Amino acid sequence: MAIEVFNRYENKYLMDTTAFHKLHDRLMDYMELDAYNKNNQFYSISNLYYDTEHHSLIRTSLSKPKYREKLRVRAYGVPEGDAKVYLELKKKVFGLVNKRRTALKLHEAYEFVRTGKPPAYREGMNRQVIAEIEYFLSRYELKPMTYLAYDRIAMFCKGNRDLRITFDTNIRSRRHDLGLELGDHGEQLMESGQWLMEVKAEKTVPVWLAKLLAEHQMYRTSFSKYGNEYKKSIRHANRTLSEIEPPATETYTPAFVVPEILPSSTSSTMTTEEERIVSC
């Protein structure tokens, strides 16, 4: 049975292809590839993230509170309507990532999130996780917001299966065709040749890994796939708005207006002395 409850710390690192190959080759002295990567092939992961109309979940997450949460449907590859997927509730509490998921059919996951009513229980579902997700859905009005997919290489430590390292590349996203069954196309989220490495451990990382990361000058970074996609969508929306609206032009408005002096329609009656005084 697939693991359905995770509690671990996750550290993230960004690198280019050259750095990836150097680090990957060194890691293979201590790690072994995931079963799905045994033939040196990537496996693809697709996700559908849910959020409120005003993006409350991701906006809260980006503010980096001590507690944050997300809900997504995850599939491996492009699923069909009755394929097995995972409905996942991901939380982060004081830096500790807690992920709880249950296996469902794709149409069941869609309907569960849409209605807030869980499907009829059957073998393979996790009752506790379903109850937690049901409560989560009662607190928010959610809708599918973002599709995210990427190609992954994963590995486990030979002597400690609790240590897992993943490399993701070709991260792509879209805000249309919001269905996992509609293909894995999308716009690139990072520049070509960029890799995201995640080190996932229940406790501390081993000394050999800490030394290896230091040797290759790998430094931790903050990188949320959904968070970066959201920020990218905001930038795109702002550019589109600036293209539609004409630039504002500034006009000068004086603090006061000097009244116009109109010529008199009557002849002047000033005396010579008065004219002299005025001219002075």
Protein backbone atom coordinates (compact mmCIF):
# COMPACT_ATOMS: atom_id res chain seq x y z
CA MET A 1 0.00 0.00 0.00
CA ALA A 2 1.23 3.51 -0.83
CA ILE A 3 2.18 5.69 2.13
CA GLU A 4 -0.75 7.98 2.93
CA VAL A 5 0.57 10.05 5.84
CA PHE A 6 3.89 11.91 5.72
CA ASN A 7 5.61 13.99 8.39
CA ARG A 8 8.94 15.35 7.30
CA TYR A 9 11.13 18.38 6.73
CA GLU A 10 11.69 19.52 3.16
CA ASN A 11 14.61 21.64 1.96
CA LYS A 12 14.71 22.98 -1.59
CA TYR A 13 17.58 23.86 -3.92
CA LEU A 14 17.65 25.32 -7.45
CA MET A 15 20.33 24.39 -9.98
CA ASP A 16 21.15 24.18 -13.66
CA THR A 17 21.66 21.03 -15.71
CA THR A 18 25.44 20.92 -15.22
CA ALA A 19 25.09 21.09 -11.45
CA PHE A 20 22.33 18.48 -11.56
CA HIS A 21 24.48 15.90 -13.35
CA LYS A 22 27.45 16.44 -11.03
CA LEU A 23 25.34 16.13 -7.90
CA HIS A 24 23.25 13.25 -9.22
CA ASP A 25 26.33 11.17 -9.99
CA ARG A 26 27.74 11.70 -6.49
CA LEU A 27 24.42 10.93 -4.82
CA MET A 28 24.24 7.54 -6.51
CA ASP A 29 27.05 6.37 -4.21
CA TYR A 30 24.57 6.61 -1.32
CA MET A 31 21.14 6.52 -2.94
CA GLU A 32 19.10 4.24 -5.19
CA LEU A 33 16.55 5.26 -7.78
CA ASP A 34 12.83 5.01 -7.26
CA ALA A 35 11.24 1.98 -8.94
CA TYR A 36 9.66 4.25 -11.56
CA ASN A 37 13.10 5.61 -12.53
CA LYS A 38 14.91 2.26 -12.79
CA ASN A 39 15.32 2.55 -16.58
CA ASN A 40 16.72 6.07 -16.26
CA GLN A 41 13.33 7.42 -17.29
CA PHE A 42 11.45 10.32 -15.79
CA TYR A 43 7.99 9.84 -14.42
CA SER A 44 5.52 12.69 -14.68
CA ILE A 45 3.34 14.06 -11.90
CA SER A 46 0.26 16.17 -12.54
CA ASN A 47 -1.58 18.21 -9.93
CA LEU A 48 -4.78 20.19 -9.79
CA TYR A 49 -4.70 22.82 -7.04
CA TYR A 50 -7.89 24.12 -5.46
CA ASP A 51 -8.35 27.55 -3.95
CA THR A 52 -10.98 30.13 -3.15
CA GLU A 53 -12.16 32.70 -5.67
CA HIS A 54 -9.74 35.24 -4.22
CA HIS A 55 -6.81 32.81 -3.85
CA SER A 56 -7.01 32.87 -0.07
CA LEU A 57 -5.03 29.66 0.46
CA ILE A 58 -2.00 30.54 -1.66
CA ARG A 59 -1.97 34.18 -0.56
CA THR A 60 -1.91 33.05 3.06
CA SER A 61 0.82 30.55 2.27
CA LEU A 62 2.99 33.19 0.60
CA SER A 63 2.80 35.35 3.70
CA LYS A 64 4.69 32.51 5.45
CA PRO A 65 2.59 32.02 8.59
CA LYS A 66 3.48 29.32 11.10
CA TYR A 67 0.59 27.23 9.77
CA ARG A 68 -0.47 26.91 6.13
CA GLU A 69 -2.46 24.39 4.08
CA LYS A 70 -3.27 23.40 0.50
CA LEU A 71 -5.54 20.94 -1.25
CA ARG A 72 -4.77 19.21 -4.53
CA VAL A 73 -5.59 16.19 -6.64
CA ARG A 74 -2.47 14.35 -7.79
CA ALA A 75 -2.03 11.81 -10.55
CA TYR A 76 0.94 10.05 -12.07
CA GLY A 77 0.86 10.70 -15.79
CA VAL A 78 -2.38 11.72 -17.51
CA PRO A 79 -5.28 9.83 -15.89
CA GLU A 80 -8.58 8.75 -17.38
CA GLY A 81 -11.92 9.33 -15.67
CA ASP A 82 -11.89 6.15 -13.58
CA ALA A 83 -8.14 6.10 -12.92
CA LYS A 84 -6.71 6.10 -9.41
CA VAL A 85 -5.58 9.50 -8.15
CA TYR A 86 -4.74 10.93 -4.74
CA LEU A 87 -6.66 13.67 -2.99
CA GLU A 88 -4.07 15.34 -0.78
CA LEU A 89 -4.24 17.77 2.10
CA LYS A 90 -0.82 19.32 2.62
CA LYS A 91 -0.03 21.31 5.75
CA LYS A 92 3.09 22.99 7.04
CA VAL A 93 3.42 23.66 10.76
CA PHE A 94 6.55 25.38 12.10
CA GLY A 95 8.52 24.07 9.12
CA LEU A 96 7.31 20.47 9.43
CA VAL A 97 5.42 19.27 6.35
CA ASN A 98 2.42 17.06 7.01
CA LYS A 99 0.83 15.46 3.97
CA ARG A 100 -2.29 13.32 4.23
CA ARG A 101 -3.82 11.67 1.20
CA THR A 102 -6.28 9.02 0.16
CA ALA A 103 -6.69 7.10 -3.07
CA LEU A 104 -9.86 7.84 -5.06
CA LYS A 105 -11.04 7.54 -8.61
CA LEU A 106 -10.63 10.75 -10.56
CA HIS A 107 -14.34 11.48 -10.87
CA GLU A 108 -14.80 10.75 -7.15
CA ALA A 109 -12.14 13.28 -6.22
CA TYR A 110 -13.73 15.94 -8.41
CA GLU A 111 -17.18 15.33 -6.94
CA PHE A 112 -15.90 15.22 -3.36
CA VAL A 113 -14.31 18.66 -3.67
CA ARG A 114 -17.26 20.10 -5.60
CA THR A 115 -19.95 18.98 -3.16
CA GLY A 116 -18.05 18.49 0.08
CA LYS A 117 -19.63 15.06 0.40
CA PRO A 118 -17.23 12.09 0.50
CA PRO A 119 -17.77 9.06 -1.73
CA ALA A 120 -19.05 5.80 -0.31
CA TYR A 121 -16.25 4.03 1.53
CA ARG A 122 -14.54 1.08 -0.10
CA GLU A 123 -11.33 -0.86 0.34
CA GLY A 124 -8.27 1.28 -0.32
CA MET A 125 -9.65 4.54 1.04
CA ASN A 126 -8.36 6.13 4.23
CA ARG A 127 -11.32 6.94 6.49
CA GLN A 128 -9.38 9.31 8.75
CA VAL A 129 -7.95 11.31 5.87
CA ILE A 130 -11.34 11.53 4.19
CA ALA A 131 -12.84 12.90 7.40
CA GLU A 132 -10.11 15.53 7.65
CA ILE A 133 -10.58 16.60 4.04
CA GLU A 134 -14.34 16.76 4.54
CA TYR A 135 -13.84 19.14 7.46
CA PHE A 136 -11.37 21.21 5.42
CA LEU A 137 -13.91 21.51 2.59
CA SER A 138 -16.56 22.72 5.05
CA ARG A 139 -14.39 25.76 5.83
CA TYR A 140 -13.80 26.98 2.28
CA GLU A 141 -15.62 27.36 -1.01
CA LEU A 142 -13.06 25.91 -3.38
CA LYS A 143 -12.75 25.55 -7.11
CA PRO A 144 -10.00 24.24 -9.41
CA MET A 145 -7.54 27.05 -9.87
CA THR A 146 -4.23 25.85 -11.30
CA TYR A 147 -2.82 22.84 -13.13
CA LEU A 148 0.83 21.98 -12.47
CA ALA A 149 2.90 19.14 -13.92
CA TYR A 150 6.58 18.21 -13.94
CA ASP A 151 9.00 15.41 -14.73
CA ARG A 152 10.68 13.79 -11.74
CA ILE A 153 13.66 11.69 -10.78
CA ALA A 154 13.42 10.34 -7.24
CA MET A 155 15.81 8.37 -5.06
CA PHE A 156 15.99 6.86 -1.59
CA CYS A 157 18.93 6.48 0.76
CA LYS A 158 20.26 2.92 0.65
CA GLY A 159 20.51 2.68 4.41
CA ASN A 160 17.58 4.87 5.40
CA ARG A 161 14.31 4.91 3.46
CA ASP A 162 13.21 7.94 5.44
CA LEU A 163 15.61 10.07 3.41
CA ARG A 164 14.27 10.87 -0.04
CA ILE A 165 15.63 13.24 -2.69
CA THR A 166 13.71 14.34 -5.78
CA PHE A 167 14.69 16.34 -8.86
CA ASP A 168 11.92 18.08 -10.81
CA THR A 169 12.29 19.72 -14.20
CA ASN A 170 10.09 20.84 -17.09
CA ILE A 171 7.68 22.37 -14.57
CA ARG A 172 4.64 23.59 -16.49
CA SER A 173 1.35 25.17 -15.55
CA ARG A 174 -1.94 26.43 -16.95
CA ARG A 175 -5.09 28.17 -15.79
CA HIS A 176 -7.31 26.76 -18.50
CA ASP A 177 -8.26 23.14 -19.29
CA LEU A 178 -8.46 22.55 -15.54
CA GLY A 179 -8.75 18.79 -15.60
CA LEU A 180 -6.01 16.21 -15.06
CA GLU A 181 -7.45 14.11 -17.89
CA LEU A 182 -7.05 16.97 -20.41
CA GLY A 183 -3.33 16.46 -21.03
CA ASP A 184 -0.10 17.63 -19.41
CA HIS A 185 0.53 20.72 -21.54
CA GLY A 186 1.26 24.11 -20.03
CA GLU A 187 3.59 27.10 -19.95
CA GLN A 188 7.06 26.71 -18.49
CA LEU A 189 7.36 27.95 -14.91
CA MET A 190 11.17 28.09 -14.88
CA GLU A 191 13.83 28.74 -17.48
CA SER A 192 14.89 25.84 -19.66
CA GLY A 193 17.53 23.63 -18.03
CA GLN A 194 16.55 24.55 -14.47
CA TRP A 195 16.05 21.87 -11.82
CA LEU A 196 14.39 21.91 -8.43
CA MET A 197 15.86 19.50 -5.88
CA GLU A 198 14.01 18.64 -2.68
CA VAL A 199 15.64 16.88 0.25
CA LYS A 200 12.95 15.21 2.38
CA ALA A 201 13.81 13.77 5.76
CA GLU A 202 11.89 12.95 8.91
CA LYS A 203 14.69 14.26 11.10
CA THR A 204 18.12 15.64 10.28
CA VAL A 205 20.04 14.88 7.10
CA PRO A 206 23.12 12.64 7.38
CA VAL A 207 26.58 14.17 7.68
CA TRP A 208 27.69 12.85 4.28
CA LEU A 209 24.81 14.70 2.59
CA ALA A 210 25.51 17.95 4.41
CA LYS A 211 29.15 17.77 3.29
CA LEU A 212 28.14 16.93 -0.28
CA LEU A 213 25.78 19.90 -0.50
CA ALA A 214 28.47 22.21 0.88
CA GLU A 215 31.04 20.83 -1.56
CA HIS A 216 28.74 21.59 -4.51
CA GLN A 217 27.79 24.99 -3.06
CA MET A 218 24.12 24.13 -2.78
CA TYR A 219 22.15 26.60 -0.68
CA ARG A 220 18.59 26.27 0.51
CA THR A 221 15.95 28.40 -1.12
CA SER A 222 12.25 29.02 -0.74
CA PHE A 223 10.36 27.78 -3.79
CA SER A 224 6.68 26.87 -3.95
CA LYS A 225 5.49 25.63 -7.34
CA TYR A 226 1.95 26.86 -6.80
CA GLY A 227 3.19 30.02 -5.13
CA ASN A 228 5.48 30.91 -8.03
CA GLU A 229 2.74 30.10 -10.54
CA TYR A 230 0.38 32.44 -8.69
CA LYS A 231 2.94 35.27 -8.68
CA LYS A 232 3.57 34.69 -12.38
CA SER A 233 -0.18 34.91 -13.10
CA ILE A 234 -0.35 38.22 -11.22
CA ARG A 235 2.51 39.65 -13.28
CA HIS A 236 0.82 38.48 -16.47
CA ALA A 237 -2.49 40.05 -15.43
CA ASN A 238 -0.76 43.36 -14.65
CA ARG A 239 0.98 43.40 -18.05
CA THR A 240 -2.28 42.66 -19.82
CA LEU A 241 -4.03 45.46 -17.93
CA SER A 242 -1.31 47.95 -18.82
CA GLU A 243 -1.65 47.03 -22.50
CA ILE A 244 -5.42 47.58 -22.45
CA GLU A 245 -5.53 50.84 -20.50
CA PRO A 246 -4.00 53.94 -22.17
CA PRO A 247 -1.28 55.62 -20.12
CA ALA A 248 -2.54 58.36 -17.88
CA THR A 249 -1.50 61.90 -18.91
CA GLU A 250 -0.75 64.48 -16.31
CA THR A 251 -2.33 67.90 -16.62
CA TYR A 252 -1.25 70.97 -14.72
CA THR A 253 -3.93 72.58 -12.62
CA PRO A 254 -2.89 75.89 -11.02
CA ALA A 255 -3.64 76.50 -7.40
CA PHE A 256 -5.80 79.50 -8.38
CA VAL A 257 -7.02 81.05 -11.61
CA VAL A 258 -6.30 84.67 -12.46
CA PRO A 259 -9.60 86.22 -13.59
CA GLU A 260 -9.64 87.50 -17.12
CA ILE A 261 -9.62 91.31 -17.39
CA LEU A 262 -12.18 92.45 -19.91
CA PRO A 263 -11.86 95.79 -21.73
CA SER A 264 -14.23 98.43 -20.47
CA SER A 265 -17.07 99.43 -22.75
CA THR A 266 -17.13 102.98 -21.32
CA SER A 267 -14.53 105.65 -21.71
CA SER A 268 -12.10 106.30 -18.89
CA THR A 269 -12.97 109.10 -16.52
CA MET A 270 -9.64 109.13 -14.62
CA THR A 271 -8.06 112.52 -14.14
CA THR A 272 -4.49 113.25 -15.14
CA GLU A 273 -3.37 112.94 -11.52
CA GLU A 274 -5.02 109.55 -11.16
CA GLU A 275 -3.32 108.34 -14.36
CA ARG A 276 0.05 109.43 -12.98
CA ILE A 277 -0.48 107.56 -9.75
CA VAL A 278 -1.50 104.36 -11.54
CA SER A 279 1.45 104.49 -13.92
CA CYS A 280 3.78 104.67 -10.96
